[in-house]
Amino acid sequence: MRKNASLILLLTALITFAVKLTVVTDIDYPPFTYIDQEGKLVGISVKIWELFSQRTGVEVELIPMNWQDAIEMAREKKTDVIDLIFVTEERRKFLDYSISVYKLTSSIYYDENLPTLKDLQDLTPYVVGVKKGDALYEIAKNENPKIQFRFYNTYGELFLALENHEVEVVLMDDIPAQYYLHRYDLVYRVKKSPPFTENNLHWAVPKGKEAVLNLLDNGLQKISPKEISQIVDSMIPSAGIDPSVLRFLWLTIAILSGSIFVLLLFNRILKMMVKRATAELERNNEQLKSYNEELEAQSEEIKAMNEELERTINELDKTNQRFVNTLKLINDAFDLQEDGEKFLKKAFDVMIDMFPNIDLANISLFDNQTWKVIEGKGFDKNSINALKIPSSQLYIPNEPVLIKEIRELDKKRMSGEIFSEIERIIPRPLNTMILPMRVGEQTVGAIVLETTQESNCAFTEHDLMIASAMARIVTSFFVVRRFVTLQKRMSREIVSMLVKALEYYDRYTQGHSQRVAQLCVKIAQRMGLSESDLELAALLHDVGKICIPQGVLNKEGHLTKEEFELVKQHPVKGFELISSINGMEKIAKIVLYHHERYDGKGYPVGLKDGEIPVESQVIFVADSFDAMTTPRPYRKTPMSVEEAIKEIENCSATQFNPDVVKVFTEILLCEKE
């Protein structure tokens, strides 16, 4: 009986809609539905409806309009069908839904400069853009009633608002979002959260149109999910190449193109040489038909030319390999993970390859004013290093130089005993090239290339120029590391300045940050956390109080609600100050959450348990302990250490992380004993 009833409904629907089925759809829901440059309605949904008409024989008229208007048309029963719509409790009051057409995820899209947003609970501080009539508004509002919304008529307006920084966060279905990210070139400037909801898209009919609904369901059953997925995949824009990667690729292509051009040019020259030689040979062959002796002479000449050509090609191969090795050395010079001595050994191998005729060579550092040979050729470096020769007894100029008979200079600078050992260990050189490695005003080491009387090879000014260029590459290794060291020292000085500024501003914080930092370092050692990161964050945890009026900070007695709200802003202000310092982003995040409670009742965001960085939870315990055991404006008489420990243990697993509390109490009890 039920099957017969369905057949009757289907036949009734086919008879009723033999002329046309009217469907209202969103005018701006790409790539599902949108108007192309020719003013034509196109998209995934259009193709699915075309397939529906082919399979059912029912003509369909798609009417594009503003989505809010489309919903009102359905509410007022002025249409047969409303296209691709999510199910909500409000819509169930006036709509009946078909079986699922397509499953769609929805996510949070936000400006790349914002902190990471994981879910709807993170959106409380922001104004969030959403399309009028979008079901995502109801989902988000039910999940987090504190969100402030701003409504837009179309997805296009929504993304323009994001691009123009009218809003920093928007809620969108993922497939339309991908379309607009590519359209407005925002793929690499907008970040995306994990999907916060997954919903089925349906066709829907106004209440009372069961025949139409039955027709839709039967038509959809004639279209396989694979066919719908193929339509969707064909219209989703693919991600382009990251501009930074593209720039690197262009640079690589330019370098390779230049190298290829040089090789092609050289090859062309060689071909021209061969062509000229061949032409000359042909002319000579004509003449040598009657002159056998001249033929033999010409043959010898050609043989010599071929040998020269082969030598030239071999030399070109060696030059190419040296070029590749030099590029690798330059790359290693800027790799902060590269070991210093390992890098110098690589550099030494490149230099030896460039100057294969040298007899003696070394690359060395002046470690604590002592000559330390890292790698050498023609002598035993360990014997030299065992002498621990002061670098002051070596002749090392400020600029690269060529010197003859350098031992005469060594004899004047070295002690007699050391000079005798040098003569014993290192053969006497005839020609010497010295390449100092200088960082600022300091000579950190040197590269020395030498030839002996036996080889009778001298260095040229061209040799000196090439070797000097290589020495500058090697020196850049030490320059980069000195720059990094200075940068870290500067960051440390900025931290010290901020802490002192806070102590001048709030007399009750004098020594507080240092005590909290000392305790945090001890906890970090026990828990296997980064001591340097935790110490920096602890020193700076209250720096945001500079933005709080002194009258509020130093007020005796209880704060008013308004005053306490001001004080609660200091983690956010601290985050803003610290994150403006290059390389301090992680420290800023630790400071931002150092008043979040384990049970989620803290501030400024209300994170809980594992959502809070462990470093922030460590600072929270240490900060609370120091506040309890030192005088404060609101409490002149501090607690004893025992009372403070008891209070922190009582608040374990509510205010404080129990693992941190356990380590904290162990440390204090050990120190007390």
Foldseek 3Di string as FASTA:
>chain_A
DVVVVLVVLQVVLCVVQVPEAEEEEEQFQPQQWHQDPVRDIHHLVVVLVVLLCVVQVGHYDYHHDFPVVRLVCQQVQVHFKYFWAFDDPVSVVWKDWAPFPDKWFKWKKFFPPDPDDAELLQQLVFEEEEEPPHCVVVVSCVVPVNHHYDYDRHVVVVVVCCVVPVGGMYIDTPQSVQVVCVVVVCPPGMDIYPGHDMTTITMIHTPPSVSSSSSVNVSSVVPDSVNSVVSSVVRRDDDDDDVVVVVVVVVVVVVVVVVVVVVVVVVVVVVVVVVVLVVVLVVVVVVCVVPVVSNVVSVVVVVVVVVVSVVVVVVVVLVVVLVVLLVVLLVLLQPPVDDLLVSVVSLVVSLCSVVVLFQKKFWFFCDVQWTQTSDIHQFDRVLVVVVRHGVQLDDADPAKDKDAQCLVVSVVRDDPVNSVSCVVTHPGFGIKIKAFQDAVNDTGIIIMTTHHPVSPDYDDVVNSVVVNVSSPSSSSSVNSVVVVVVLVVVLVVVLVVLLVVVCVLAVQCVCLLVQLLVLLLLLCVVVVHDSVLLSSLSSQLQSLCVVQDNCLQLAAADDDPVSVVSSLCSLVSSLVVQCVRPPRNVSNLLSNCLQAFQQQPGDDSSDHNPVHPVSSLLSNLSSQLSPQADAGRHHRHHDDSVVSLVVVCVCDNTGGPNVSNVSSVVVVVVVVD
